[in-house]
C-alpha atoms as a PDB file:
ATOM      1  CA  MET A   1      -8.624 -75.491  17.523  1.00  0.00           C
ATOM      2  CA  ASP A   2     -10.976 -72.484  17.021  1.00  0.00           C
ATOM      3  CA  GLU A   3     -12.672 -72.682  13.689  1.00  0.00           C
ATOM      4  CA  SER A   4     -15.175 -70.213  12.369  1.00  0.00           C
ATOM      5  CA  ILE A   5     -17.454 -70.348   9.388  1.00  0.00           C
ATOM      6  CA  ASN A   6     -16.506 -67.721   6.659  1.00  0.00           C
ATOM      7  CA  PHE A   7     -19.274 -68.379   4.182  1.00  0.00           C
ATOM      8  CA  PHE A   8     -22.118 -70.690   3.345  1.00  0.00           C
ATOM      9  CA  VAL A   9     -22.513 -72.402  -0.034  1.00  0.00           C
ATOM     10  CA  GLY A  10     -25.723 -73.329  -1.725  1.00  0.00           C
ATOM     11  CA  LEU A  11     -25.700 -75.915  -4.561  1.00  0.00           C
ATOM     12  CA  ASP A  12     -28.552 -76.776  -6.913  1.00  0.00           C
ATOM     13  CA  ALA A  13     -27.314 -79.963  -8.589  1.00  0.00           C
ATOM     14  CA  ARG A  14     -29.135 -81.150 -11.626  1.00  0.00           C
ATOM     15  CA  LYS A  15     -28.425 -83.763 -14.266  1.00  0.00           C
ATOM     16  CA  ASP A  16     -26.590 -81.388 -16.631  1.00  0.00           C
ATOM     17  CA  SER A  17     -25.624 -78.396 -14.427  1.00  0.00           C
ATOM     18  CA  ILE A  18     -24.786 -77.205 -10.897  1.00  0.00           C
ATOM     19  CA  SER A  19     -25.823 -73.696  -9.815  1.00  0.00           C
ATOM     20  CA  VAL A  20     -23.741 -72.123  -7.071  1.00  0.00           C
ATOM     21  CA  ALA A  21     -24.525 -69.353  -4.542  1.00  0.00           C
ATOM     22  CA  VAL A  22     -22.596 -68.134  -1.561  1.00  0.00           C
ATOM     23  CA  CYS A  23     -23.341 -65.990   1.477  1.00  0.00           C
ATOM     24  CA  GLU A  24     -20.767 -64.451   3.742  1.00  0.00           C
ATOM     25  CA  ALA A  25     -21.377 -65.446   7.432  1.00  0.00           C
ATOM     26  CA  GLY A  26     -23.610 -62.910   9.205  1.00  0.00           C
ATOM     27  CA  ARG A  27     -24.271 -60.910   5.974  1.00  0.00           C
ATOM     28  CA  GLU A  28     -27.132 -60.802   3.584  1.00  0.00           C
ATOM     29  CA  PRO A  29     -27.931 -61.206   0.672  1.00  0.00           C
ATOM     30  CA  SER A  30     -26.437 -64.262  -0.864  1.00  0.00           C
ATOM     31  CA  ARG A  31     -24.546 -63.885  -4.130  1.00  0.00           C
ATOM     32  CA  PHE A  32     -25.296 -66.181  -7.182  1.00  0.00           C
ATOM     33  CA  LEU A  33     -21.952 -67.260  -8.652  1.00  0.00           C
ATOM     34  CA  GLY A  34     -23.269 -68.932 -11.703  1.00  0.00           C
ATOM     35  CA  THR A  35     -24.184 -72.186 -13.322  1.00  0.00           C
ATOM     36  CA  LEU A  36     -21.551 -74.642 -14.106  1.00  0.00           C
ATOM     37  CA  GLY A  37     -21.470 -77.968 -16.016  1.00  0.00           C
ATOM     38  CA  PRO A  38     -21.927 -81.171 -14.156  1.00  0.00           C
ATOM     39  CA  ASP A  39     -18.175 -81.329 -13.420  1.00  0.00           C
ATOM     40  CA  VAL A  40     -17.472 -81.443  -9.628  1.00  0.00           C
ATOM     41  CA  GLN A  41     -13.906 -80.196 -10.280  1.00  0.00           C
ATOM     42  CA  GLY A  42     -15.288 -77.050 -11.750  1.00  0.00           C
ATOM     43  CA  VAL A  43     -17.341 -76.388  -8.592  1.00  0.00           C
ATOM     44  CA  ILE A  44     -14.269 -77.047  -6.390  1.00  0.00           C
ATOM     45  CA  LYS A  45     -12.246 -74.581  -8.528  1.00  0.00           C
ATOM     46  CA  THR A  46     -14.942 -71.928  -8.279  1.00  0.00           C
ATOM     47  CA  LEU A  47     -15.231 -72.335  -4.508  1.00  0.00           C
ATOM     48  CA  ARG A  48     -11.481 -72.097  -3.959  1.00  0.00           C
ATOM     49  CA  LYS A  49     -11.334 -68.896  -5.911  1.00  0.00           C
ATOM     50  CA  THR A  50     -14.210 -67.474  -3.937  1.00  0.00           C
ATOM     51  CA  ALA A  51     -12.605 -68.433  -0.632  1.00  0.00           C
ATOM     52  CA  ARG A  52      -9.386 -66.791  -1.548  1.00  0.00           C
ATOM     53  CA  ARG A  53     -11.136 -63.575  -2.395  1.00  0.00           C
ATOM     54  CA  GLY A  54     -13.141 -63.642   0.838  1.00  0.00           C
ATOM     55  CA  THR A  55     -16.445 -63.760  -1.135  1.00  0.00           C
END
């Protein structure tokens, strides 16, 4: 199976928040998506939406 990386994800996890940034493979600069609450499901939802849009 030939898999390729579409984008990279950066997470800054703290006690009360998670900051999310993404960068499309081979492109600069990265994009800050925002700061979410400490809920992992919120991060998953945000990343799914971003992946569907193609960053």
